[in-house]
N, C-alpha and C. Protein backbone atom coordinates (compact mmCIF):
# COMPACT_ATOMS: atom_id res chain seq x y z
N MET A 1 109.14 110.95 114.31
CA MET A 1 110.56 111.14 114.65
C MET A 1 111.23 111.98 113.59
N VAL A 2 112.03 112.97 114.02
CA VAL A 2 112.73 113.85 113.09
C VAL A 2 114.22 113.79 113.39
N PHE A 3 115.00 113.53 112.36
CA PHE A 3 116.44 113.51 112.50
C PHE A 3 117.03 114.88 112.24
N LYS A 4 118.31 115.04 112.59
CA LYS A 4 119.07 116.24 112.25
C LYS A 4 120.15 115.86 111.24
N LYS A 5 120.49 116.80 110.37
CA LYS A 5 121.48 116.53 109.34
C LYS A 5 122.79 116.03 109.92
N THR A 6 123.11 116.52 111.12
CA THR A 6 124.40 116.20 111.72
C THR A 6 124.41 114.89 112.51
N ASP A 7 123.29 114.21 112.58
CA ASP A 7 123.23 112.95 113.33
C ASP A 7 124.27 111.97 112.78
N SER A 8 125.00 111.34 113.69
CA SER A 8 126.11 110.47 113.29
C SER A 8 125.64 109.25 112.50
N VAL A 9 124.37 108.87 112.66
CA VAL A 9 123.86 107.69 111.97
C VAL A 9 123.91 107.86 110.45
N PHE A 10 123.96 109.10 109.98
CA PHE A 10 124.00 109.34 108.54
C PHE A 10 125.40 109.31 107.94
N GLU A 11 126.42 109.30 108.80
CA GLU A 11 127.81 109.23 108.35
C GLU A 11 128.10 110.27 107.26
N GLY A 12 127.63 111.50 107.52
CA GLY A 12 127.88 112.58 106.56
C GLY A 12 127.13 112.43 105.26
N GLY A 13 126.06 111.66 105.24
CA GLY A 13 125.26 111.49 104.05
C GLY A 13 125.50 110.17 103.33
N LYS A 14 126.38 109.33 103.85
CA LYS A 14 126.64 108.02 103.23
C LYS A 14 125.56 107.01 103.58
N MET A 15 124.75 107.34 104.58
CA MET A 15 123.61 106.51 104.99
C MET A 15 122.38 107.42 105.03
N LEU A 16 121.24 106.94 104.50
CA LEU A 16 120.01 107.72 104.54
C LEU A 16 118.81 106.79 104.76
N PRO A 17 117.74 107.30 105.40
CA PRO A 17 116.55 106.48 105.65
C PRO A 17 115.67 106.39 104.40
N VAL A 18 116.07 105.61 103.45
CA VAL A 18 115.33 105.49 102.20
C VAL A 18 114.09 104.63 102.42
N MET A 19 112.95 105.18 102.09
CA MET A 19 111.68 104.46 102.23
C MET A 19 111.44 103.54 101.04
N GLU A 20 111.67 104.08 99.85
CA GLU A 20 111.48 103.29 98.63
C GLU A 20 112.24 103.95 97.48
N GLU A 21 112.44 103.18 96.43
CA GLU A 21 113.08 103.68 95.22
C GLU A 21 112.48 102.94 94.04
N PHE A 22 112.26 103.66 92.94
CA PHE A 22 111.61 103.04 91.79
C PHE A 22 111.83 103.90 90.55
N TYR A 23 111.77 103.25 89.41
CA TYR A 23 111.94 103.91 88.12
C TYR A 23 110.55 104.09 87.49
N THR A 24 110.22 105.32 87.10
CA THR A 24 108.88 105.60 86.57
C THR A 24 108.93 106.88 85.75
N LEU A 25 107.77 107.45 85.48
CA LEU A 25 107.68 108.76 84.82
C LEU A 25 107.32 109.81 85.86
N GLN A 26 107.91 110.98 85.71
CA GLN A 26 107.54 112.07 86.60
C GLN A 26 106.09 112.45 86.32
N GLY A 27 105.33 112.62 87.38
CA GLY A 27 103.90 112.81 87.22
C GLY A 27 103.40 114.23 87.37
N GLU A 28 104.25 115.16 87.81
CA GLU A 28 103.77 116.50 88.13
C GLU A 28 104.74 117.56 87.64
N GLY A 29 104.20 118.78 87.50
CA GLY A 29 105.04 119.94 87.28
C GLY A 29 105.75 120.02 85.96
N TYR A 30 106.84 120.76 85.94
CA TYR A 30 107.55 121.12 84.72
C TYR A 30 108.08 119.90 83.98
N ASN A 31 108.55 118.90 84.70
CA ASN A 31 109.18 117.73 84.08
C ASN A 31 108.22 116.56 83.93
N MET A 32 106.92 116.82 84.01
CA MET A 32 105.92 115.77 83.90
C MET A 32 106.08 114.98 82.60
N GLY A 33 106.02 113.65 82.74
CA GLY A 33 106.09 112.77 81.58
C GLY A 33 107.47 112.26 81.24
N SER A 34 108.50 112.76 81.90
CA SER A 34 109.87 112.31 81.62
C SER A 34 110.28 111.21 82.59
N ALA A 35 111.14 110.33 82.12
CA ALA A 35 111.57 109.18 82.93
C ALA A 35 112.55 109.61 84.02
N ALA A 36 112.41 109.00 85.18
CA ALA A 36 113.32 109.32 86.28
C ALA A 36 113.31 108.20 87.32
N TYR A 37 114.40 108.08 88.03
CA TYR A 37 114.53 107.13 89.14
C TYR A 37 114.23 107.91 90.41
N PHE A 38 113.18 107.49 91.13
CA PHE A 38 112.76 108.20 92.34
C PHE A 38 113.38 107.56 93.58
N ILE A 39 113.88 108.41 94.45
CA ILE A 39 114.38 107.99 95.76
C ILE A 39 113.56 108.73 96.81
N ARG A 40 112.74 107.99 97.53
CA ARG A 40 111.89 108.60 98.56
C ARG A 40 112.53 108.40 99.93
N ILE A 41 112.85 109.51 100.58
CA ILE A 41 113.48 109.48 101.89
C ILE A 41 112.41 109.62 102.97
N GLY A 42 112.42 108.74 103.96
CA GLY A 42 111.43 108.76 105.01
C GLY A 42 111.70 109.85 106.04
N GLY A 43 110.62 110.37 106.61
CA GLY A 43 110.73 111.36 107.67
C GLY A 43 110.19 112.71 107.27
N CYS A 44 109.07 113.14 107.89
CA CYS A 44 108.50 114.45 107.62
C CYS A 44 107.60 114.83 108.78
N ASP A 45 107.72 116.07 109.25
CA ASP A 45 106.83 116.52 110.32
C ASP A 45 106.02 117.74 109.89
N VAL A 46 105.91 117.98 108.57
CA VAL A 46 105.11 119.09 108.08
C VAL A 46 103.63 118.81 108.30
N GLY A 47 103.21 117.56 108.07
CA GLY A 47 101.87 117.12 108.45
C GLY A 47 100.73 117.61 107.58
N CYS A 48 100.91 117.65 106.27
CA CYS A 48 99.83 118.06 105.37
C CYS A 48 98.67 117.07 105.45
N SER A 49 97.46 117.56 105.68
CA SER A 49 96.30 116.68 105.85
C SER A 49 96.01 115.87 104.59
N TRP A 50 96.37 116.40 103.43
CA TRP A 50 96.08 115.74 102.16
C TRP A 50 97.26 114.94 101.62
N CYS A 51 98.31 114.78 102.38
CA CYS A 51 99.49 114.04 101.92
C CYS A 51 99.10 112.62 101.50
N ASP A 52 99.58 112.20 100.32
CA ASP A 52 99.25 110.86 99.84
C ASP A 52 100.33 109.84 100.17
N THR A 53 101.33 110.26 100.94
CA THR A 53 102.36 109.31 101.40
C THR A 53 102.60 109.51 102.90
N LYS A 54 101.53 109.49 103.67
CA LYS A 54 101.65 109.67 105.12
C LYS A 54 102.48 108.57 105.76
N GLN A 55 102.57 107.43 105.10
CA GLN A 55 103.39 106.35 105.63
C GLN A 55 104.87 106.70 105.65
N SER A 56 105.23 107.81 105.00
CA SER A 56 106.64 108.23 104.97
C SER A 56 107.00 109.12 106.15
N TRP A 57 106.03 109.54 106.94
CA TRP A 57 106.29 110.55 107.95
C TRP A 57 107.25 110.11 109.05
N ASP A 58 107.11 108.89 109.54
CA ASP A 58 107.89 108.41 110.68
C ASP A 58 109.22 107.83 110.19
N ALA A 59 110.28 108.60 110.31
CA ALA A 59 111.59 108.17 109.81
C ALA A 59 112.12 106.95 110.55
N SER A 60 111.66 106.74 111.77
CA SER A 60 112.17 105.60 112.54
C SER A 60 111.76 104.26 111.91
N LEU A 61 110.80 104.29 111.01
CA LEU A 61 110.37 103.07 110.33
C LEU A 61 111.31 102.67 109.20
N PHE A 62 112.25 103.56 108.88
CA PHE A 62 113.13 103.33 107.74
C PHE A 62 114.59 103.48 108.16
N PRO A 63 115.18 102.39 108.65
CA PRO A 63 116.58 102.44 109.08
C PRO A 63 117.49 102.90 107.94
N PRO A 64 118.46 103.75 108.23
CA PRO A 64 119.37 104.24 107.19
C PRO A 64 120.07 103.10 106.45
N VAL A 65 120.19 103.26 105.15
CA VAL A 65 120.82 102.26 104.29
C VAL A 65 121.99 102.91 103.56
N PRO A 66 122.95 102.11 103.06
CA PRO A 66 124.10 102.68 102.35
C PRO A 66 123.67 103.39 101.06
N VAL A 67 124.02 104.64 100.96
CA VAL A 67 123.66 105.44 99.79
C VAL A 67 124.33 104.93 98.52
N ASP A 68 125.54 104.41 98.64
CA ASP A 68 126.23 103.91 97.45
C ASP A 68 125.44 102.79 96.76
N ASP A 69 124.77 101.96 97.54
CA ASP A 69 123.97 100.88 96.96
C ASP A 69 122.78 101.46 96.18
N VAL A 70 122.17 102.50 96.73
CA VAL A 70 121.04 103.15 96.07
C VAL A 70 121.50 103.80 94.76
N ILE A 71 122.65 104.43 94.80
CA ILE A 71 123.20 105.09 93.61
C ILE A 71 123.47 104.07 92.50
N GLU A 72 123.99 102.93 92.87
CA GLU A 72 124.28 101.91 91.87
C GLU A 72 122.99 101.43 91.18
N ARG A 73 121.94 101.27 91.95
CA ARG A 73 120.67 100.86 91.36
C ARG A 73 120.11 101.96 90.45
N ALA A 74 120.22 103.20 90.90
CA ALA A 74 119.74 104.33 90.09
C ALA A 74 120.50 104.43 88.78
N ALA A 75 121.80 104.16 88.83
CA ALA A 75 122.65 104.28 87.64
C ALA A 75 122.28 103.25 86.58
N GLN A 76 121.60 102.18 86.96
CA GLN A 76 121.22 101.14 86.01
C GLN A 76 119.96 101.51 85.22
N SER A 77 119.24 102.56 85.65
CA SER A 77 118.04 102.97 84.93
C SER A 77 118.42 103.74 83.67
N GLN A 78 117.54 103.71 82.69
CA GLN A 78 117.83 104.34 81.40
C GLN A 78 117.66 105.86 81.43
N GLY A 79 116.89 106.37 82.36
CA GLY A 79 116.56 107.79 82.37
C GLY A 79 117.70 108.73 82.72
N LYS A 80 118.66 108.23 83.51
CA LYS A 80 119.81 109.04 83.93
C LYS A 80 119.39 110.35 84.61
N THR A 81 118.26 110.27 85.31
CA THR A 81 117.79 111.38 86.13
C THR A 81 117.28 110.79 87.44
N VAL A 82 117.66 111.40 88.55
CA VAL A 82 117.17 110.98 89.86
C VAL A 82 116.36 112.11 90.46
N VAL A 83 115.18 111.77 90.98
CA VAL A 83 114.35 112.71 91.72
C VAL A 83 114.32 112.26 93.18
N VAL A 84 114.78 113.11 94.07
CA VAL A 84 114.74 112.82 95.50
C VAL A 84 113.50 113.49 96.07
N THR A 85 112.68 112.70 96.76
CA THR A 85 111.44 113.22 97.32
C THR A 85 111.27 112.64 98.73
N GLY A 86 110.11 112.82 99.32
CA GLY A 86 109.96 112.36 100.68
C GLY A 86 108.53 111.99 101.01
N GLY A 87 108.29 112.03 102.34
CA GLY A 87 109.12 112.64 103.37
C GLY A 87 109.53 114.07 103.03
N GLU A 88 110.59 114.50 103.70
CA GLU A 88 111.10 115.85 103.48
C GLU A 88 112.62 115.82 103.34
N PRO A 89 113.12 115.92 102.10
CA PRO A 89 114.56 115.81 101.83
C PRO A 89 115.43 116.86 102.52
N SER A 90 114.89 118.05 102.77
CA SER A 90 115.73 119.10 103.35
C SER A 90 116.18 118.77 104.77
N ARG A 91 115.62 117.73 105.38
CA ARG A 91 116.01 117.33 106.73
C ARG A 91 117.36 116.59 106.75
N TYR A 92 117.89 116.25 105.58
CA TYR A 92 119.02 115.31 105.53
C TYR A 92 120.24 115.87 104.80
N PRO A 93 121.43 115.30 105.11
CA PRO A 93 122.65 115.71 104.41
C PRO A 93 122.71 115.02 103.04
N LEU A 94 122.62 115.79 101.98
CA LEU A 94 122.48 115.21 100.65
C LEU A 94 123.64 115.53 99.70
N GLU A 95 124.69 116.17 100.22
CA GLU A 95 125.84 116.49 99.36
C GLU A 95 126.49 115.23 98.79
N TYR A 96 126.67 114.24 99.63
CA TYR A 96 127.32 113.01 99.17
C TYR A 96 126.51 112.37 98.05
N LEU A 97 125.21 112.29 98.23
CA LEU A 97 124.34 111.69 97.23
C LEU A 97 124.43 112.42 95.90
N THR A 98 124.28 113.73 95.91
CA THR A 98 124.29 114.47 94.64
C THR A 98 125.66 114.45 93.98
N ASN A 99 126.71 114.51 94.77
CA ASN A 99 128.06 114.49 94.20
C ASN A 99 128.34 113.15 93.51
N ARG A 100 127.92 112.07 94.14
CA ARG A 100 128.15 110.74 93.56
C ARG A 100 127.28 110.52 92.33
N LEU A 101 126.07 111.04 92.34
CA LEU A 101 125.21 110.92 91.17
C LEU A 101 125.79 111.69 89.99
N HIS A 102 126.26 112.90 90.25
CA HIS A 102 126.87 113.70 89.17
C HIS A 102 128.11 113.02 88.62
N ALA A 103 128.87 112.37 89.49
CA ALA A 103 130.08 111.68 89.03
C ALA A 103 129.74 110.55 88.06
N LYS A 104 128.51 110.06 88.13
CA LYS A 104 128.06 109.00 87.22
C LYS A 104 127.25 109.54 86.05
N GLY A 105 127.25 110.88 85.90
CA GLY A 105 126.54 111.49 84.79
C GLY A 105 125.04 111.51 84.94
N ILE A 106 124.56 111.49 86.18
CA ILE A 106 123.12 111.46 86.46
C ILE A 106 122.64 112.85 86.91
N LYS A 107 121.57 113.30 86.29
CA LYS A 107 120.97 114.59 86.62
C LYS A 107 120.25 114.48 87.95
N THR A 108 120.36 115.51 88.78
CA THR A 108 119.77 115.47 90.12
C THR A 108 118.61 116.46 90.23
N MET A 109 117.49 115.97 90.73
CA MET A 109 116.31 116.81 90.97
C MET A 109 115.78 116.51 92.37
N VAL A 110 115.12 117.49 92.95
CA VAL A 110 114.56 117.30 94.29
C VAL A 110 113.21 117.99 94.37
N GLU A 111 112.30 117.37 95.12
CA GLU A 111 111.00 117.97 95.43
C GLU A 111 110.95 118.16 96.93
N THR A 112 110.77 119.41 97.37
CA THR A 112 110.89 119.73 98.79
C THR A 112 109.97 120.86 99.20
N SER A 113 109.53 120.81 100.45
CA SER A 113 108.81 121.95 101.01
C SER A 113 109.78 122.98 101.55
N GLY A 114 111.05 122.59 101.67
CA GLY A 114 112.09 123.53 102.04
C GLY A 114 112.06 124.02 103.47
N VAL A 115 111.58 123.18 104.39
CA VAL A 115 111.47 123.62 105.78
C VAL A 115 112.84 123.86 106.42
N GLU A 116 113.87 123.27 105.84
CA GLU A 116 115.24 123.55 106.29
C GLU A 116 116.08 123.93 105.09
N GLU A 117 117.25 124.48 105.34
CA GLU A 117 118.16 124.83 104.26
C GLU A 117 118.55 123.55 103.51
N LEU A 118 118.39 123.56 102.21
CA LEU A 118 118.60 122.37 101.41
C LEU A 118 120.09 122.18 101.11
N SER A 119 120.59 120.97 101.40
CA SER A 119 121.98 120.65 101.08
C SER A 119 122.04 119.90 99.76
N GLY A 120 123.20 119.86 99.15
CA GLY A 120 123.38 119.14 97.90
C GLY A 120 123.48 120.05 96.69
N ASP A 121 123.97 119.50 95.59
CA ASP A 121 124.13 120.20 94.33
C ASP A 121 123.05 119.70 93.37
N TRP A 122 122.09 120.55 93.05
CA TRP A 122 120.89 120.12 92.32
C TRP A 122 120.79 120.76 90.95
N ASP A 123 120.41 119.95 89.97
CA ASP A 123 120.15 120.48 88.63
C ASP A 123 118.75 121.08 88.53
N TRP A 124 117.85 120.61 89.39
CA TRP A 124 116.48 121.14 89.37
C TRP A 124 115.89 121.04 90.77
N ILE A 125 115.39 122.16 91.27
CA ILE A 125 114.76 122.20 92.58
C ILE A 125 113.30 122.61 92.41
N CYS A 126 112.40 121.69 92.81
CA CYS A 126 110.98 122.00 92.84
C CYS A 126 110.61 122.33 94.28
N LEU A 127 110.26 123.57 94.52
CA LEU A 127 109.87 124.02 95.86
C LEU A 127 108.35 124.01 95.96
N SER A 128 107.84 123.25 96.93
CA SER A 128 106.40 123.18 97.16
C SER A 128 106.12 123.63 98.58
N PRO A 129 105.96 124.93 98.79
CA PRO A 129 105.86 125.49 100.15
C PRO A 129 104.54 125.17 100.82
N LYS A 130 104.59 124.98 102.13
CA LYS A 130 103.41 124.67 102.92
C LYS A 130 103.16 125.79 103.94
N LYS A 131 101.92 126.19 104.08
CA LYS A 131 101.56 127.35 104.91
C LYS A 131 102.06 127.26 106.35
N TYR A 132 101.90 126.08 106.96
CA TYR A 132 102.15 125.97 108.39
C TYR A 132 103.59 125.61 108.72
N SER A 133 104.39 125.37 107.67
CA SER A 133 105.83 125.16 107.84
C SER A 133 106.53 125.82 106.66
N PRO A 134 106.60 127.15 106.66
CA PRO A 134 107.13 127.88 105.51
C PRO A 134 108.58 127.51 105.19
N PRO A 135 108.99 127.73 103.95
CA PRO A 135 110.35 127.37 103.54
C PRO A 135 111.43 128.20 104.22
N HIS A 136 112.61 127.62 104.30
CA HIS A 136 113.79 128.37 104.72
C HIS A 136 114.02 129.44 103.65
N PRO A 137 114.33 130.67 104.04
CA PRO A 137 114.48 131.77 103.07
C PRO A 137 115.46 131.49 101.93
N SER A 138 116.46 130.66 102.20
CA SER A 138 117.48 130.39 101.18
C SER A 138 116.95 129.64 99.97
N LEU A 139 115.79 128.98 100.12
CA LEU A 139 115.25 128.16 99.03
C LEU A 139 114.70 128.99 97.89
N TYR A 140 114.21 130.17 98.18
CA TYR A 140 113.54 130.96 97.15
C TYR A 140 114.45 131.32 95.98
N SER A 141 115.66 131.71 96.25
CA SER A 141 116.56 132.10 95.17
C SER A 141 117.07 130.90 94.38
N ARG A 142 117.00 129.70 94.96
CA ARG A 142 117.52 128.50 94.31
C ARG A 142 116.47 127.74 93.51
N ALA A 143 115.20 128.00 93.77
CA ALA A 143 114.13 127.20 93.17
C ALA A 143 114.05 127.41 91.66
N ASN A 144 113.96 126.30 90.93
CA ASN A 144 113.72 126.34 89.49
C ASN A 144 112.22 126.29 89.20
N GLU A 145 111.48 125.74 90.15
CA GLU A 145 110.05 125.53 89.98
C GLU A 145 109.36 125.75 91.31
N LEU A 146 108.28 126.52 91.28
CA LEU A 146 107.43 126.71 92.46
C LEU A 146 106.12 126.01 92.19
N LYS A 147 105.77 125.05 93.04
CA LYS A 147 104.54 124.28 92.86
C LYS A 147 103.70 124.40 94.14
N VAL A 148 102.60 125.11 94.03
CA VAL A 148 101.74 125.36 95.19
C VAL A 148 100.48 124.50 95.07
N ILE A 149 100.20 123.74 96.12
CA ILE A 149 99.01 122.90 96.16
C ILE A 149 97.81 123.75 96.55
N VAL A 150 96.73 123.66 95.77
CA VAL A 150 95.54 124.48 96.00
C VAL A 150 94.41 123.59 96.50
N GLN A 151 94.01 123.85 97.73
CA GLN A 151 92.89 123.12 98.35
C GLN A 151 91.67 124.03 98.46
N THR A 152 91.92 125.32 98.72
CA THR A 152 90.85 126.32 98.81
C THR A 152 91.27 127.57 98.05
N ALA A 153 90.33 128.48 97.83
CA ALA A 153 90.63 129.73 97.12
C ALA A 153 91.69 130.54 97.86
N GLY A 154 91.74 130.42 99.18
CA GLY A 154 92.72 131.15 99.95
C GLY A 154 94.16 130.75 99.65
N ASP A 155 94.33 129.56 99.11
CA ASP A 155 95.68 129.10 98.77
C ASP A 155 96.29 129.89 97.62
N LEU A 156 95.46 130.55 96.85
CA LEU A 156 95.98 131.38 95.76
C LEU A 156 96.75 132.58 96.31
N GLN A 157 96.30 133.11 97.44
CA GLN A 157 97.04 134.20 98.09
C GLN A 157 98.40 133.71 98.58
N TRP A 158 98.41 132.50 99.14
CA TRP A 158 99.68 131.89 99.59
C TRP A 158 100.62 131.69 98.40
N ALA A 159 100.04 131.29 97.28
CA ALA A 159 100.83 131.09 96.07
C ALA A 159 101.49 132.40 95.63
N GLU A 160 100.74 133.47 95.62
CA GLU A 160 101.28 134.76 95.19
C GLU A 160 102.34 135.27 96.16
N LYS A 161 102.15 135.01 97.43
CA LYS A 161 103.14 135.43 98.43
C LYS A 161 104.48 134.77 98.16
N ASN A 162 104.45 133.50 97.81
CA ASN A 162 105.69 132.77 97.52
C ASN A 162 106.26 133.15 96.16
N ALA A 163 105.38 133.39 95.20
CA ALA A 163 105.85 133.78 93.86
C ALA A 163 106.62 135.09 93.89
N ALA A 164 106.28 135.95 94.83
CA ALA A 164 106.97 137.23 94.95
C ALA A 164 108.40 137.08 95.48
N LEU A 165 108.73 135.90 95.99
CA LEU A 165 110.03 135.70 96.62
C LEU A 165 111.01 134.89 95.78
N VAL A 166 110.51 134.16 94.78
CA VAL A 166 111.40 133.31 93.98
C VAL A 166 112.12 134.15 92.92
N ASN A 167 113.14 133.55 92.30
CA ASN A 167 113.89 134.27 91.26
C ASN A 167 113.05 134.41 89.99
N ASN A 168 113.46 135.30 89.11
CA ASN A 168 112.66 135.62 87.92
C ASN A 168 112.54 134.46 86.93
N ASP A 169 113.47 133.51 86.98
CA ASP A 169 113.43 132.38 86.05
C ASP A 169 112.64 131.20 86.57
N CYS A 170 112.17 131.28 87.78
CA CYS A 170 111.43 130.17 88.40
C CYS A 170 110.07 129.99 87.70
N VAL A 171 109.75 128.76 87.33
CA VAL A 171 108.48 128.44 86.68
C VAL A 171 107.41 128.24 87.75
N LEU A 172 106.23 128.84 87.54
CA LEU A 172 105.19 128.85 88.57
C LEU A 172 104.06 127.89 88.23
N PHE A 173 103.71 127.03 89.18
CA PHE A 173 102.64 126.05 88.98
C PHE A 173 101.65 126.09 90.14
N LEU A 174 100.38 125.97 89.78
CA LEU A 174 99.31 125.72 90.74
C LEU A 174 98.84 124.29 90.51
N GLN A 175 98.75 123.51 91.57
CA GLN A 175 98.33 122.12 91.44
C GLN A 175 97.14 121.85 92.36
N PRO A 176 96.01 121.40 91.81
CA PRO A 176 94.86 121.12 92.67
C PRO A 176 95.12 119.94 93.58
N GLU A 177 94.74 120.09 94.84
CA GLU A 177 94.80 118.96 95.77
C GLU A 177 93.86 117.90 95.22
N TRP A 178 94.34 116.66 95.17
CA TRP A 178 93.68 115.60 94.41
C TRP A 178 92.20 115.45 94.73
N SER A 179 91.84 115.46 96.01
CA SER A 179 90.44 115.22 96.40
C SER A 179 89.54 116.42 96.09
N LYS A 180 90.17 117.59 95.80
CA LYS A 180 89.40 118.80 95.52
C LYS A 180 89.55 119.24 94.06
N ALA A 181 90.20 118.44 93.26
CA ALA A 181 90.54 118.84 91.90
C ALA A 181 89.30 119.20 91.07
N GLU A 182 88.29 118.38 91.12
CA GLU A 182 87.11 118.61 90.28
C GLU A 182 86.40 119.90 90.66
N GLU A 183 86.22 120.13 91.95
CA GLU A 183 85.47 121.31 92.37
C GLU A 183 86.28 122.61 92.24
N ASN A 184 87.61 122.50 92.23
CA ASN A 184 88.45 123.70 92.15
C ASN A 184 88.96 124.02 90.75
N MET A 185 88.74 123.12 89.80
CA MET A 185 89.37 123.29 88.50
C MET A 185 88.90 124.55 87.77
N GLU A 186 87.62 124.85 87.81
CA GLU A 186 87.14 126.06 87.14
C GLU A 186 87.77 127.31 87.74
N MET A 187 87.82 127.37 89.06
CA MET A 187 88.43 128.50 89.74
C MET A 187 89.89 128.66 89.33
N MET A 188 90.62 127.55 89.31
CA MET A 188 92.04 127.60 88.99
C MET A 188 92.27 127.94 87.52
N THR A 189 91.42 127.39 86.66
CA THR A 189 91.54 127.69 85.22
C THR A 189 91.33 129.18 84.98
N ASN A 190 90.32 129.75 85.58
CA ASN A 190 90.06 131.18 85.42
C ASN A 190 91.21 132.01 85.97
N TYR A 191 91.75 131.56 87.10
CA TYR A 191 92.84 132.31 87.72
C TYR A 191 94.07 132.35 86.81
N VAL A 192 94.40 131.22 86.22
CA VAL A 192 95.57 131.18 85.35
C VAL A 192 95.34 132.00 84.08
N MET A 193 94.14 131.99 83.55
CA MET A 193 93.85 132.83 82.38
C MET A 193 93.98 134.31 82.71
N GLU A 194 93.66 134.67 83.94
CA GLU A 194 93.79 136.06 84.37
C GLU A 194 95.21 136.39 84.83
N ASN A 195 95.96 135.37 85.19
CA ASN A 195 97.34 135.55 85.67
C ASN A 195 98.24 134.56 84.94
N PRO A 196 98.51 134.80 83.65
CA PRO A 196 99.14 133.80 82.78
C PRO A 196 100.59 133.47 83.08
N ARG A 197 101.19 134.10 84.06
CA ARG A 197 102.55 133.66 84.43
C ARG A 197 102.49 132.32 85.16
N TRP A 198 101.31 131.96 85.66
CA TRP A 198 101.10 130.67 86.31
C TRP A 198 100.72 129.61 85.28
N ARG A 199 101.01 128.35 85.60
CA ARG A 199 100.55 127.20 84.84
C ARG A 199 99.83 126.24 85.78
N ILE A 200 99.03 125.34 85.19
CA ILE A 200 98.37 124.30 85.98
C ILE A 200 99.22 123.03 85.93
N SER A 201 99.43 122.43 87.08
CA SER A 201 100.07 121.12 87.17
C SER A 201 99.03 120.11 87.63
N LEU A 202 98.99 118.97 86.95
CA LEU A 202 98.09 117.89 87.35
C LEU A 202 98.91 116.67 87.76
N GLN A 203 98.36 115.85 88.62
CA GLN A 203 99.04 114.63 89.05
C GLN A 203 98.79 113.54 88.00
N ALA A 204 99.51 113.66 86.90
CA ALA A 204 99.28 112.79 85.75
C ALA A 204 99.52 111.31 86.08
N HIS A 205 100.44 111.04 87.02
CA HIS A 205 100.72 109.65 87.35
C HIS A 205 99.50 108.95 87.94
N LYS A 206 98.61 109.72 88.58
CA LYS A 206 97.41 109.10 89.14
C LYS A 206 96.42 108.76 88.02
N TYR A 207 96.37 109.58 87.00
CA TYR A 207 95.53 109.26 85.86
C TYR A 207 96.09 108.06 85.09
N MET A 208 97.43 107.98 85.02
CA MET A 208 98.07 106.89 84.29
C MET A 208 98.18 105.62 85.13
N LYS A 209 97.87 105.76 86.43
CA LYS A 209 97.94 104.62 87.36
C LYS A 209 99.33 104.00 87.41
N ILE A 210 100.33 104.89 87.59
CA ILE A 210 101.71 104.46 87.75
C ILE A 210 102.24 105.06 89.06
N PRO A 211 103.34 104.54 89.61
CA PRO A 211 103.88 105.08 90.87
C PRO A 211 104.22 106.57 90.78
């Protein structure tokens, strides 16, 4: 099931289908290792075969809840940073959430494939584009971080195609798909040494065995 941003059930972003929320360390990309409160929003139809949160795909399993309650819980964490993930956050109206978080002095970050135009005011946008559901064009100029999942050698071409579209300050990451990490690591290591504007991102939270 896929919702629309304008659906009345969201009350302009005051209600969202939150799947889970938890305080942990960021496990991937530029901000890896830093503390953050994660808000996972249910609902995604991108359908990545290697997705490790497939239980988040069906938004109908997660009835919308009051966003103000979620914000209050996030504000109690010591990290004062919120990462919104999914599912797919770009499917939802997020202006209310980010505005209220900023009013409480909380930094806002989002991880998105960008299949729709992203709403909200974000301090950090991690764009992770998917081949079969490419990002909305507006995401490229806004992205602070480009994180491309590498499952096969052909994904490096997809990575370069997206890197050509982001702004000059965007940090570029290649991340091995977890089940293929060992067999692809040499290829990716060599590629980054030959193309040093890229960096390698690892799913450190899986090594640390934390959420």
